[in-house]
């Protein structure tokens, strides 16, 4: 089968799942593997791609965008797996969506435009989430902040916790904490919001009640086309409330509760029906000690290789086999 992946290698550290998948794809004798840089996705109707074969080192992976690219017709490709991190270029998904009638995607780009946004979960799982609002209106956000502070603001752009901010007040000053910016002090909530909406002015933020048991970690459950692959707990190694592995957290084996299985069973179909098959469900511990749904990540999901490492189970091989079967089933 001919498989094409799209990513920007510079956004992936050496321990990242995308590098692990690229290595598996390049070494698999049943896969004719190609790479397309995120920056080369355009409206031409063709892919600009480089063939990737054999052993792939970290250095080789980082140099992929500099390889000689050749024009590849979508009709020559059996399957496309987009591994692009946020934020993607303008019209990125629209340019890919025009090819959906010609080539099959692991996750349909026309639908990723919806499902990647945090407010999509409102349609299918609002009842499983902690207290929250989606808003860009100051009065509404201020009311929510007065009721629940501290709160967390989540942007629709960024990855690895980079678009997530804790917001709290001490006296007349308002503070934020973010893995990229660190802690900052502001004169008012309005000043904080002005800063946030300069970063992401394209959509409303999600504002969520801050969970006091956040130090318990962040549980990720991997789901592919409705099949639950397993769970791991991400937990920061330092005194921080952000538990993303790309921000320095460790990962540990975790169980899946009956309630979590129920949440997945009642929501994954909304994504699968739109042609979005790879999902990462994130759960945090609520104030009552029960795990509560935080968000559903759709599309470019990480952690398959980490789950394989801590369980000893062939998780990545299972995903690769699913990809082969999915391509043949078209």
C-alpha atoms as a PDB file:
ATOM      1  CA  UNK A   1       0.000   0.000   0.000  1.00  0.00           C
ATOM      2  CA  UNK A   2       1.067   3.579  -0.606  1.00  0.00           C
ATOM      3  CA  UNK A   3       0.814   5.693   2.563  1.00  0.00           C
ATOM      4  CA  UNK A   4       1.445   9.431   2.782  1.00  0.00           C
ATOM      5  CA  UNK A   5       1.924  11.320   6.049  1.00  0.00           C
ATOM      6  CA  UNK A   6       1.870  15.079   6.515  1.00  0.00           C
ATOM      7  CA  UNK A   7       3.748  16.783   9.339  1.00  0.00           C
ATOM      8  CA  UNK A   8       6.261  19.441  10.339  1.00  0.00           C
ATOM      9  CA  UNK A   9       9.174  17.519  11.904  1.00  0.00           C
ATOM     10  CA  UNK A  10      10.340  20.602  13.818  1.00  0.00           C
ATOM     11  CA  UNK A  11       7.268  20.427  16.073  1.00  0.00           C
ATOM     12  CA  UNK A  12       8.076  16.897  17.275  1.00  0.00           C
ATOM     13  CA  UNK A  13      10.691  16.094  19.951  1.00  0.00           C
ATOM     14  CA  UNK A  14      12.762  12.909  19.674  1.00  0.00           C
ATOM     15  CA  UNK A  15      10.431  10.953  21.993  1.00  0.00           C
ATOM     16  CA  UNK A  16       7.306  11.978  20.081  1.00  0.00           C
ATOM     17  CA  UNK A  17       4.832   9.470  18.658  1.00  0.00           C
ATOM     18  CA  UNK A  18       4.996  10.889  15.129  1.00  0.00           C
ATOM     19  CA  UNK A  19       8.697  10.021  14.847  1.00  0.00           C
ATOM     20  CA  UNK A  20       7.947   6.521  16.142  1.00  0.00           C
ATOM     21  CA  UNK A  21       5.206   6.047  13.555  1.00  0.00           C
ATOM     22  CA  UNK A  22       7.396   7.359  10.744  1.00  0.00           C
ATOM     23  CA  UNK A  23      10.029   4.789  11.675  1.00  0.00           C
ATOM     24  CA  UNK A  24       7.482   1.960  11.630  1.00  0.00           C
ATOM     25  CA  UNK A  25       6.034   3.064   8.303  1.00  0.00           C
ATOM     26  CA  UNK A  26       9.441   3.505   6.659  1.00  0.00           C
ATOM     27  CA  UNK A  27      10.635   0.062   7.749  1.00  0.00           C
ATOM     28  CA  UNK A  28       7.458  -1.859   6.891  1.00  0.00           C
ATOM     29  CA  UNK A  29       7.930  -3.890   3.675  1.00  0.00           C
ATOM     30  CA  UNK A  30       4.182  -3.718   2.977  1.00  0.00           C
ATOM     31  CA  UNK A  31       4.145   0.096   2.992  1.00  0.00           C
ATOM     32  CA  UNK A  32       5.424   2.408   0.276  1.00  0.00           C
ATOM     33  CA  UNK A  33       5.844   5.456   2.502  1.00  0.00           C
ATOM     34  CA  UNK A  34       5.904   9.153   1.592  1.00  0.00           C
ATOM     35  CA  UNK A  35       6.246  12.409   3.560  1.00  0.00           C
ATOM     36  CA  UNK A  36       4.718  15.782   2.702  1.00  0.00           C
ATOM     37  CA  UNK A  37       5.699  18.932   4.651  1.00  0.00           C
ATOM     38  CA  UNK A  38       2.854  20.901   6.224  1.00  0.00           C
ATOM     39  CA  UNK A  39       4.120  23.996   4.406  1.00  0.00           C
ATOM     40  CA  UNK A  40       3.707  22.296   1.014  1.00  0.00           C
ATOM     41  CA  UNK A  41      -0.022  21.589   1.323  1.00  0.00           C
ATOM     42  CA  UNK A  42      -1.707  23.899  -1.174  1.00  0.00           C
ATOM     43  CA  UNK A  43      -4.689  24.139  -3.522  1.00  0.00           C
ATOM     44  CA  UNK A  44      -2.896  22.596  -6.521  1.00  0.00           C
ATOM     45  CA  UNK A  45      -4.644  19.231  -6.173  1.00  0.00           C
ATOM     46  CA  UNK A  46      -1.326  17.375  -5.853  1.00  0.00           C
ATOM     47  CA  UNK A  47       1.017  16.361  -3.059  1.00  0.00           C
ATOM     48  CA  UNK A  48       4.627  17.461  -2.941  1.00  0.00           C
ATOM     49  CA  UNK A  49       6.225  14.405  -1.366  1.00  0.00           C
ATOM     50  CA  UNK A  50       9.479  12.629  -0.594  1.00  0.00           C
ATOM     51  CA  UNK A  51       9.885   8.851  -0.376  1.00  0.00           C
ATOM     52  CA  UNK A  52      10.967   7.592   3.064  1.00  0.00           C
ATOM     53  CA  UNK A  53      12.515   4.129   3.399  1.00  0.00           C
ATOM     54  CA  UNK A  54      14.740   2.102   5.705  1.00  0.00           C
ATOM     55  CA  UNK A  55      15.996   3.102   9.128  1.00  0.00           C
ATOM     56  CA  UNK A  56      15.063   6.640  10.119  1.00  0.00           C
ATOM     57  CA  UNK A  57      17.227   8.403  12.703  1.00  0.00           C
ATOM     58  CA  UNK A  58      16.218  11.516  14.637  1.00  0.00           C
ATOM     59  CA  UNK A  59      18.445  13.553  12.347  1.00  0.00           C
ATOM     60  CA  UNK A  60      16.937  11.991   9.223  1.00  0.00           C
ATOM     61  CA  UNK A  61      13.447  12.805  10.479  1.00  0.00           C
ATOM     62  CA  UNK A  62      14.341  16.432  11.188  1.00  0.00           C
ATOM     63  CA  UNK A  63      15.771  16.801   7.668  1.00  0.00           C
ATOM     64  CA  UNK A  64      12.719  15.422   5.856  1.00  0.00           C
ATOM     65  CA  UNK A  65      11.329  18.832   4.910  1.00  0.00           C
ATOM     66  CA  UNK A  66      14.618  19.560   3.139  1.00  0.00           C
ATOM     67  CA  UNK A  67      14.470  16.470   0.931  1.00  0.00           C
ATOM     68  CA  UNK A  68      13.847  16.738  -2.806  1.00  0.00           C
ATOM     69  CA  UNK A  69      10.092  16.647  -3.346  1.00  0.00           C
ATOM     70  CA  UNK A  70       8.279  15.229  -6.353  1.00  0.00           C
ATOM     71  CA  UNK A  71       4.704  15.762  -7.459  1.00  0.00           C
ATOM     72  CA  UNK A  72       2.427  12.912  -6.407  1.00  0.00           C
ATOM     73  CA  UNK A  73      -1.144  12.549  -7.620  1.00  0.00           C
ATOM     74  CA  UNK A  74      -3.664  11.774  -4.858  1.00  0.00           C
ATOM     75  CA  UNK A  75      -5.042   8.979  -7.046  1.00  0.00           C
ATOM     76  CA  UNK A  76      -1.690   7.188  -6.637  1.00  0.00           C
ATOM     77  CA  UNK A  77      -2.004   7.169  -2.842  1.00  0.00           C
ATOM     78  CA  UNK A  78      -3.998   4.590  -0.883  1.00  0.00           C
ATOM     79  CA  UNK A  79      -4.222   6.499   2.387  1.00  0.00           C
ATOM     80  CA  UNK A  80      -3.244   9.859   3.932  1.00  0.00           C
ATOM     81  CA  UNK A  81      -2.479  10.218   7.639  1.00  0.00           C
ATOM     82  CA  UNK A  82      -2.191  13.846   8.738  1.00  0.00           C
ATOM     83  CA  UNK A  83       0.150  14.295  11.722  1.00  0.00           C
ATOM     84  CA  UNK A  84       0.223  18.107  11.699  1.00  0.00           C
ATOM     85  CA  UNK A  85       0.332  19.938  15.027  1.00  0.00           C
ATOM     86  CA  UNK A  86      -1.625  23.076  15.761  1.00  0.00           C
ATOM     87  CA  UNK A  87      -1.614  25.782  14.680  1.00  0.00           C
ATOM     88  CA  UNK A  88      -1.788  24.787  11.006  1.00  0.00           C
ATOM     89  CA  UNK A  89      -1.550  27.270   8.111  1.00  0.00           C
ATOM     90  CA  UNK A  90      -4.627  29.048   6.875  1.00  0.00           C
ATOM     91  CA  UNK A  91      -6.649  26.927   4.416  1.00  0.00           C
ATOM     92  CA  UNK A  92      -4.647  23.804   5.397  1.00  0.00           C
ATOM     93  CA  UNK A  93      -7.697  21.613   6.016  1.00  0.00           C
ATOM     94  CA  UNK A  94      -9.648  23.198   3.160  1.00  0.00           C
ATOM     95  CA  UNK A  95      -6.848  22.385   0.702  1.00  0.00           C
ATOM     96  CA  UNK A  96      -6.776  18.780   1.858  1.00  0.00           C
ATOM     97  CA  UNK A  97     -10.570  18.481   1.919  1.00  0.00           C
ATOM     98  CA  UNK A  98     -10.779  19.070  -1.836  1.00  0.00           C
ATOM     99  CA  UNK A  99      -8.959  15.734  -2.288  1.00  0.00           C
ATOM    100  CA  UNK A 100     -11.378  13.614  -0.244  1.00  0.00           C
ATOM    101  CA  UNK A 101     -13.164  12.339  -3.369  1.00  0.00           C
ATOM    102  CA  UNK A 102      -9.837  11.135  -4.777  1.00  0.00           C
ATOM    103  CA  UNK A 103      -7.937   9.681  -1.803  1.00  0.00           C
ATOM    104  CA  UNK A 104      -8.885   8.211   1.552  1.00  0.00           C
ATOM    105  CA  UNK A 105      -7.822   9.893   4.819  1.00  0.00           C
ATOM    106  CA  UNK A 106      -7.401   8.304   8.246  1.00  0.00           C
ATOM    107  CA  UNK A 107      -9.216  11.400   9.495  1.00  0.00           C
ATOM    108  CA  UNK A 108     -11.239  13.413   7.005  1.00  0.00           C
ATOM    109  CA  UNK A 109      -9.777  16.939   6.855  1.00  0.00           C
ATOM    110  CA  UNK A 110     -13.154  18.541   6.135  1.00  0.00           C
ATOM    111  CA  UNK A 111     -14.382  17.153   9.465  1.00  0.00           C
ATOM    112  CA  UNK A 112     -11.226  17.872  11.442  1.00  0.00           C
ATOM    113  CA  UNK A 113     -12.085  21.528  10.939  1.00  0.00           C
ATOM    114  CA  UNK A 114     -14.993  20.885  13.339  1.00  0.00           C
ATOM    115  CA  UNK A 115     -13.932  18.028  15.580  1.00  0.00           C
ATOM    116  CA  UNK A 116     -10.515  19.487  16.447  1.00  0.00           C
ATOM    117  CA  UNK A 117     -12.260  22.471  18.036  1.00  0.00           C
ATOM    118  CA  UNK A 118     -13.016  22.031  21.722  1.00  0.00           C
ATOM    119  CA  UNK A 119     -16.617  23.150  21.415  1.00  0.00           C
ATOM    120  CA  UNK A 120     -17.467  20.175  19.157  1.00  0.00           C
ATOM    121  CA  UNK A 121     -17.650  18.062  22.300  1.00  0.00           C
ATOM    122  CA  UNK A 122     -20.663  20.131  23.342  1.00  0.00           C
ATOM    123  CA  UNK A 123     -22.699  18.253  20.731  1.00  0.00           C
ATOM    124  CA  UNK A 124     -22.075  14.822  22.206  1.00  0.00           C
ATOM    125  CA  UNK A 125     -20.542  15.005  25.662  1.00  0.00           C
ATOM    126  CA  UNK A 126     -21.444  18.207  27.486  1.00  0.00           C
ATOM    127  CA  UNK A 127     -22.886  16.227  30.393  1.00  0.00           C
ATOM    128  CA  UNK A 128     -19.522  14.554  31.057  1.00  0.00           C
ATOM    129  CA  UNK A 129     -17.494  17.766  31.341  1.00  0.00           C
ATOM    130  CA  UNK A 130     -16.783  19.942  34.400  1.00  0.00           C
ATOM    131  CA  UNK A 131     -18.447  23.362  34.677  1.00  0.00           C
ATOM    132  CA  UNK A 132     -17.406  25.382  31.642  1.00  0.00           C
ATOM    133  CA  UNK A 133     -18.376  27.984  29.055  1.00  0.00           C
ATOM    134  CA  UNK A 134     -17.269  28.811  25.523  1.00  0.00           C
ATOM    135  CA  UNK A 135     -17.099  32.542  25.209  1.00  0.00           C
ATOM    136  CA  UNK A 136     -15.338  35.613  23.904  1.00  0.00           C
ATOM    137  CA  UNK A 137     -17.635  38.012  25.778  1.00  0.00           C
ATOM    138  CA  UNK A 138     -16.088  39.809  28.734  1.00  0.00           C
ATOM    139  CA  UNK A 139     -19.193  40.021  30.931  1.00  0.00           C
ATOM    140  CA  UNK A 140     -19.918  36.308  30.536  1.00  0.00           C
ATOM    141  CA  UNK A 141     -16.324  35.335  31.279  1.00  0.00           C
ATOM    142  CA  UNK A 142     -16.151  37.689  34.264  1.00  0.00           C
ATOM    143  CA  UNK A 143     -19.305  36.146  35.722  1.00  0.00           C
ATOM    144  CA  UNK A 144     -17.869  32.653  35.305  1.00  0.00           C
ATOM    145  CA  UNK A 145     -14.564  33.764  36.858  1.00  0.00           C
ATOM    146  CA  UNK A 146     -16.289  35.257  39.910  1.00  0.00           C
ATOM    147  CA  UNK A 147     -18.233  32.041  40.405  1.00  0.00           C
ATOM    148  CA  UNK A 148     -15.468  29.484  40.002  1.00  0.00           C
ATOM    149  CA  UNK A 149     -12.030  31.124  40.183  1.00  0.00           C
ATOM    150  CA  UNK A 150      -9.426  29.873  39.790  1.00  0.00           C
ATOM    151  CA  UNK A 151     -10.335  28.838  36.249  1.00  0.00           C
ATOM    152  CA  UNK A 152      -8.542  27.470  33.194  1.00  0.00           C
ATOM    153  CA  UNK A 153      -8.693  28.984  29.704  1.00  0.00           C
ATOM    154  CA  UNK A 154      -8.190  26.651  26.740  1.00  0.00           C
ATOM    155  CA  UNK A 155      -7.429  27.915  23.261  1.00  0.00           C
ATOM    156  CA  UNK A 156      -8.217  26.049  20.036  1.00  0.00           C
ATOM    157  CA  UNK A 157      -4.622  26.478  18.900  1.00  0.00           C
ATOM    158  CA  UNK A 158      -1.430  25.046  20.328  1.00  0.00           C
ATOM    159  CA  UNK A 159      -0.445  21.627  21.610  1.00  0.00           C
ATOM    160  CA  UNK A 160       1.387  20.137  24.573  1.00  0.00           C
ATOM    161  CA  UNK A 161      -0.420  22.465  26.975  1.00  0.00           C
ATOM    162  CA  UNK A 162       0.823  25.584  25.199  1.00  0.00           C
ATOM    163  CA  UNK A 163      -2.692  26.966  24.688  1.00  0.00           C
ATOM    164  CA  UNK A 164      -3.848  26.361  28.276  1.00  0.00           C
ATOM    165  CA  UNK A 165      -3.801  29.053  30.988  1.00  0.00           C
ATOM    166  CA  UNK A 166      -4.614  28.938  34.683  1.00  0.00           C
ATOM    167  CA  UNK A 167      -6.173  32.223  35.853  1.00  0.00           C
ATOM    168  CA  UNK A 168      -6.615  33.307  39.470  1.00  0.00           C
ATOM    169  CA  UNK A 169      -6.890  36.444  41.580  1.00  0.00           C
ATOM    170  CA  UNK A 170      -5.061  37.623  44.685  1.00  0.00           C
ATOM    171  CA  UNK A 171      -6.231  40.918  46.071  1.00  0.00           C
ATOM    172  CA  UNK A 172      -6.567  43.386  43.234  1.00  0.00           C
ATOM    173  CA  UNK A 173      -4.159  41.532  40.940  1.00  0.00           C
ATOM    174  CA  UNK A 174      -4.935  38.732  38.470  1.00  0.00           C
ATOM    175  CA  UNK A 175      -2.365  36.064  37.597  1.00  0.00           C
ATOM    176  CA  UNK A 176      -1.890  33.517  34.830  1.00  0.00           C
ATOM    177  CA  UNK A 177       0.307  30.468  34.465  1.00  0.00           C
ATOM    178  CA  UNK A 178       1.205  28.798  31.156  1.00  0.00           C
ATOM    179  CA  UNK A 179       3.939  26.315  30.186  1.00  0.00           C
ATOM    180  CA  UNK A 180       5.317  28.635  27.533  1.00  0.00           C
ATOM    181  CA  UNK A 181       4.926  32.025  29.214  1.00  0.00           C
ATOM    182  CA  UNK A 182       5.374  31.026  32.839  1.00  0.00           C
ATOM    183  CA  UNK A 183       3.591  33.075  35.515  1.00  0.00           C
ATOM    184  CA  UNK A 184       2.422  36.594  34.717  1.00  0.00           C
ATOM    185  CA  UNK A 185       0.704  39.316  36.714  1.00  0.00           C
ATOM    186  CA  UNK A 186      -2.034  41.635  35.426  1.00  0.00           C
ATOM    187  CA  UNK A 187      -3.994  44.570  36.767  1.00  0.00           C
ATOM    188  CA  UNK A 188      -7.368  43.079  35.838  1.00  0.00           C
ATOM    189  CA  UNK A 189      -9.163  40.151  34.245  1.00  0.00           C
ATOM    190  CA  UNK A 190      -9.817  42.310  31.199  1.00  0.00           C
ATOM    191  CA  UNK A 191      -6.077  42.755  30.697  1.00  0.00           C
ATOM    192  CA  UNK A 192      -5.669  38.968  30.819  1.00  0.00           C
ATOM    193  CA  UNK A 193      -8.415  38.436  28.255  1.00  0.00           C
ATOM    194  CA  UNK A 194      -6.986  41.096  25.958  1.00  0.00           C
ATOM    195  CA  UNK A 195      -3.726  39.137  25.997  1.00  0.00           C
ATOM    196  CA  UNK A 196      -5.406  35.800  25.338  1.00  0.00           C
ATOM    197  CA  UNK A 197      -7.495  37.023  22.427  1.00  0.00           C
ATOM    198  CA  UNK A 198      -4.458  38.579  20.788  1.00  0.00           C
ATOM    199  CA  UNK A 199      -2.979  35.081  20.740  1.00  0.00           C
ATOM    200  CA  UNK A 200      -6.124  33.416  19.381  1.00  0.00           C
ATOM    201  CA  UNK A 201      -8.668  35.837  17.988  1.00  0.00           C
ATOM    202  CA  UNK A 202     -10.334  33.353  15.655  1.00  0.00           C
ATOM    203  CA  UNK A 203     -12.703  31.650  18.099  1.00  0.00           C
ATOM    204  CA  UNK A 204     -14.014  31.610  21.638  1.00  0.00           C
ATOM    205  CA  UNK A 205     -11.914  30.134  24.407  1.00  0.00           C
ATOM    206  CA  UNK A 206     -13.194  27.374  26.627  1.00  0.00           C
ATOM    207  CA  UNK A 207     -13.185  28.456  30.277  1.00  0.00           C
ATOM    208  CA  UNK A 208     -13.289  25.602  32.783  1.00  0.00           C
ATOM    209  CA  UNK A 209     -13.574  25.294  36.540  1.00  0.00           C
ATOM    210  CA  UNK A 210     -10.102  24.564  37.920  1.00  0.00           C
ATOM    211  CA  UNK A 211      -9.967  21.112  39.510  1.00  0.00           C
ATOM    212  CA  UNK A 212      -8.244  21.048  42.892  1.00  0.00           C
ATOM    213  CA  UNK A 213      -7.057  17.440  42.351  1.00  0.00           C
ATOM    214  CA  UNK A 214      -5.182  18.366  39.196  1.00  0.00           C
ATOM    215  CA  UNK A 215      -1.945  17.106  40.743  1.00  0.00           C
ATOM    216  CA  UNK A 216      -3.305  13.536  40.405  1.00  0.00           C
ATOM    217  CA  UNK A 217      -2.301  13.667  36.745  1.00  0.00           C
ATOM    218  CA  UNK A 218      -3.906  13.622  33.327  1.00  0.00           C
ATOM    219  CA  UNK A 219      -5.228  10.287  32.033  1.00  0.00           C
ATOM    220  CA  UNK A 220      -5.089   9.671  28.271  1.00  0.00           C
ATOM    221  CA  UNK A 221      -7.188   6.861  26.744  1.00  0.00           C
ATOM    222  CA  UNK A 222      -6.388   5.956  23.144  1.00  0.00           C
ATOM    223  CA  UNK A 223      -9.311   5.005  20.912  1.00  0.00           C
ATOM    224  CA  UNK A 224      -9.118   3.990  17.242  1.00  0.00           C
ATOM    225  CA  UNK A 225     -12.366   3.562  15.320  1.00  0.00           C
ATOM    226  CA  UNK A 226     -14.189   2.751  18.540  1.00  0.00           C
ATOM    227  CA  UNK A 227     -11.604   0.239  19.823  1.00  0.00           C
ATOM    228  CA  UNK A 228     -10.030   1.168  23.152  1.00  0.00           C
ATOM    229  CA  UNK A 229      -6.253   0.565  22.972  1.00  0.00           C
ATOM    230  CA  UNK A 230      -5.507   1.368  26.609  1.00  0.00           C
ATOM    231  CA  UNK A 231      -4.707   4.188  29.021  1.00  0.00           C
ATOM    232  CA  UNK A 232      -1.708   5.893  30.548  1.00  0.00           C
ATOM    233  CA  UNK A 233      -1.418   8.553  33.224  1.00  0.00           C
ATOM    234  CA  UNK A 234       0.682  11.626  32.486  1.00  0.00           C
ATOM    235  CA  UNK A 235       2.068  13.189  35.628  1.00  0.00           C
ATOM    236  CA  UNK A 236       4.416  16.147  35.948  1.00  0.00           C
ATOM    237  CA  UNK A 237       7.825  15.457  37.459  1.00  0.00           C
ATOM    238  CA  UNK A 238       7.955  18.954  38.944  1.00  0.00           C
ATOM    239  CA  UNK A 239       5.565  21.158  40.884  1.00  0.00           C
ATOM    240  CA  UNK A 240       3.262  22.170  38.041  1.00  0.00           C
ATOM    241  CA  UNK A 241      -0.398  21.723  37.141  1.00  0.00           C
ATOM    242  CA  UNK A 242       0.313  20.836  33.477  1.00  0.00           C
ATOM    243  CA  UNK A 243       0.892  17.132  32.810  1.00  0.00           C
ATOM    244  CA  UNK A 244       1.722  17.019  29.096  1.00  0.00           C
ATOM    245  CA  UNK A 245       4.654  14.759  28.215  1.00  0.00           C
ATOM    246  CA  UNK A 246       5.966  17.345  25.744  1.00  0.00           C
ATOM    247  CA  UNK A 247       6.128  19.727  28.717  1.00  0.00           C
ATOM    248  CA  UNK A 248       8.218  17.325  30.781  1.00  0.00           C
ATOM    249  CA  UNK A 249       5.680  14.986  32.412  1.00  0.00           C
ATOM    250  CA  UNK A 250       6.289  11.266  32.874  1.00  0.00           C
ATOM    251  CA  UNK A 251       3.815   8.564  31.869  1.00  0.00           C
ATOM    252  CA  UNK A 252       2.577   5.524  33.764  1.00  0.00           C
ATOM    253  CA  UNK A 253       0.197   2.644  33.159  1.00  0.00           C
ATOM    254  CA  UNK A 254      -3.406   3.328  34.170  1.00  0.00           C
ATOM    255  CA  UNK A 255      -6.691   1.461  34.468  1.00  0.00           C
ATOM    256  CA  UNK A 256      -9.904   2.446  32.700  1.00  0.00           C
ATOM    257  CA  UNK A 257     -13.037   2.741  34.806  1.00  0.00           C
ATOM    258  CA  UNK A 258     -16.488   1.563  33.786  1.00  0.00           C
ATOM    259  CA  UNK A 259     -17.630   5.179  33.709  1.00  0.00           C
ATOM    260  CA  UNK A 260     -14.800   6.069  31.305  1.00  0.00           C
ATOM    261  CA  UNK A 261     -15.759   3.179  29.024  1.00  0.00           C
ATOM    262  CA  UNK A 262     -19.318   4.496  29.109  1.00  0.00           C
ATOM    263  CA  UNK A 263     -18.229   8.030  28.196  1.00  0.00           C
ATOM    264  CA  UNK A 264     -16.261   6.686  25.229  1.00  0.00           C
ATOM    265  CA  UNK A 265     -19.106   4.422  24.101  1.00  0.00           C
ATOM    266  CA  UNK A 266     -21.561   7.324  24.180  1.00  0.00           C
ATOM    267  CA  UNK A 267     -19.369   9.812  22.312  1.00  0.00           C
ATOM    268  CA  UNK A 268     -16.915   8.193  19.888  1.00  0.00           C
ATOM    269  CA  UNK A 269     -19.614   7.591  17.255  1.00  0.00           C
ATOM    270  CA  UNK A 270     -20.045  11.327  16.764  1.00  0.00           C
ATOM    271  CA  UNK A 271     -16.433  11.480  15.567  1.00  0.00           C
ATOM    272  CA  UNK A 272     -16.395   8.188  13.662  1.00  0.00           C
ATOM    273  CA  UNK A 273     -19.545   9.132  11.742  1.00  0.00           C
ATOM    274  CA  UNK A 274     -17.641  12.166  10.463  1.00  0.00           C
ATOM    275  CA  UNK A 275     -14.701  10.029   9.336  1.00  0.00           C
ATOM    276  CA  UNK A 276     -12.441  10.913  12.281  1.00  0.00           C
ATOM    277  CA  UNK A 277     -11.066   7.650  13.652  1.00  0.00           C
ATOM    278  CA  UNK A 278      -8.085   8.363  15.931  1.00  0.00           C
ATOM    279  CA  UNK A 279      -9.092   9.878  19.267  1.00  0.00           C
ATOM    280  CA  UNK A 280      -7.396  10.694  22.547  1.00  0.00           C
ATOM    281  CA  UNK A 281      -9.736  11.014  25.524  1.00  0.00           C
ATOM    282  CA  UNK A 282      -8.308  13.023  28.430  1.00  0.00           C
ATOM    283  CA  UNK A 283      -9.640  12.634  31.978  1.00  0.00           C
ATOM    284  CA  UNK A 284      -8.780  14.634  35.123  1.00  0.00           C
ATOM    285  CA  UNK A 285      -9.662  13.895  38.725  1.00  0.00           C
ATOM    286  CA  UNK A 286     -12.626  15.946  39.893  1.00  0.00           C
ATOM    287  CA  UNK A 287     -12.959  17.449  43.362  1.00  0.00           C
ATOM    288  CA  UNK A 288     -14.893  14.370  44.538  1.00  0.00           C
ATOM    289  CA  UNK A 289     -12.064  12.003  43.591  1.00  0.00           C
ATOM    290  CA  UNK A 290     -13.773  10.663  40.452  1.00  0.00           C
ATOM    291  CA  UNK A 291     -12.197  10.948  36.999  1.00  0.00           C
ATOM    292  CA  UNK A 292     -14.042  13.403  34.757  1.00  0.00           C
ATOM    293  CA  UNK A 293     -13.736  14.032  31.019  1.00  0.00           C
ATOM    294  CA  UNK A 294     -11.522  16.990  30.219  1.00  0.00           C
ATOM    295  CA  UNK A 295     -11.460  16.918  26.415  1.00  0.00           C
ATOM    296  CA  UNK A 296     -11.384  14.698  23.358  1.00  0.00           C
ATOM    297  CA  UNK A 297      -8.441  15.217  21.028  1.00  0.00           C
ATOM    298  CA  UNK A 298      -9.269  14.324  17.430  1.00  0.00           C
ATOM    299  CA  UNK A 299      -6.821  13.540  14.651  1.00  0.00           C
ATOM    300  CA  UNK A 300      -3.122  13.861  15.467  1.00  0.00           C
ATOM    301  CA  UNK A 301      -2.993  11.790  18.651  1.00  0.00           C
ATOM    302  CA  UNK A 302       0.180  10.902  20.527  1.00  0.00           C
ATOM    303  CA  UNK A 303       0.990   8.191  23.034  1.00  0.00           C
ATOM    304  CA  UNK A 304       0.743   4.895  21.139  1.00  0.00           C
ATOM    305  CA  UNK A 305       4.441   4.169  21.617  1.00  0.00           C
ATOM    306  CA  UNK A 306       4.359   5.294  25.258  1.00  0.00           C
ATOM    307  CA  UNK A 307       1.474   2.921  25.943  1.00  0.00           C
ATOM    308  CA  UNK A 308       3.398   0.119  24.245  1.00  0.00           C
ATOM    309  CA  UNK A 309       6.471   0.864  26.352  1.00  0.00           C
ATOM    310  CA  UNK A 310       4.691   0.681  29.703  1.00  0.00           C
ATOM    311  CA  UNK A 311       2.368  -2.245  28.914  1.00  0.00           C
ATOM    312  CA  UNK A 312       4.588  -4.434  26.763  1.00  0.00           C
ATOM    313  CA  UNK A 313       1.677  -4.833  24.361  1.00  0.00           C
ATOM    314  CA  UNK A 314       2.124  -4.281  20.573  1.00  0.00           C
ATOM    315  CA  UNK A 315       0.122  -1.054  20.523  1.00  0.00           C
ATOM    316  CA  UNK A 316       1.904   0.587  17.581  1.00  0.00           C
ATOM    317  CA  UNK A 317       1.813  -2.631  15.564  1.00  0.00           C
ATOM    318  CA  UNK A 318      -1.927  -2.790  16.223  1.00  0.00           C
ATOM    319  CA  UNK A 319      -2.364   0.754  14.917  1.00  0.00           C
ATOM    320  CA  UNK A 320      -0.211   0.055  11.847  1.00  0.00           C
ATOM    321  CA  UNK A 321      -2.234  -3.075  11.074  1.00  0.00           C
ATOM    322  CA  UNK A 322      -5.461  -1.101  11.439  1.00  0.00           C
ATOM    323  CA  UNK A 323      -4.085   1.463   8.977  1.00  0.00           C
ATOM    324  CA  UNK A 324      -3.320  -1.287   6.451  1.00  0.00           C
ATOM    325  CA  UNK A 325      -6.744  -2.868   6.878  1.00  0.00           C
ATOM    326  CA  UNK A 326      -8.446   0.525   6.669  1.00  0.00           C
ATOM    327  CA  UNK A 327      -6.674   1.294   3.390  1.00  0.00           C
ATOM    328  CA  UNK A 328      -7.597  -2.079   1.888  1.00  0.00           C
ATOM    329  CA  UNK A 329     -11.228  -1.770   2.939  1.00  0.00           C
ATOM    330  CA  UNK A 330     -11.792   1.311   0.786  1.00  0.00           C
END
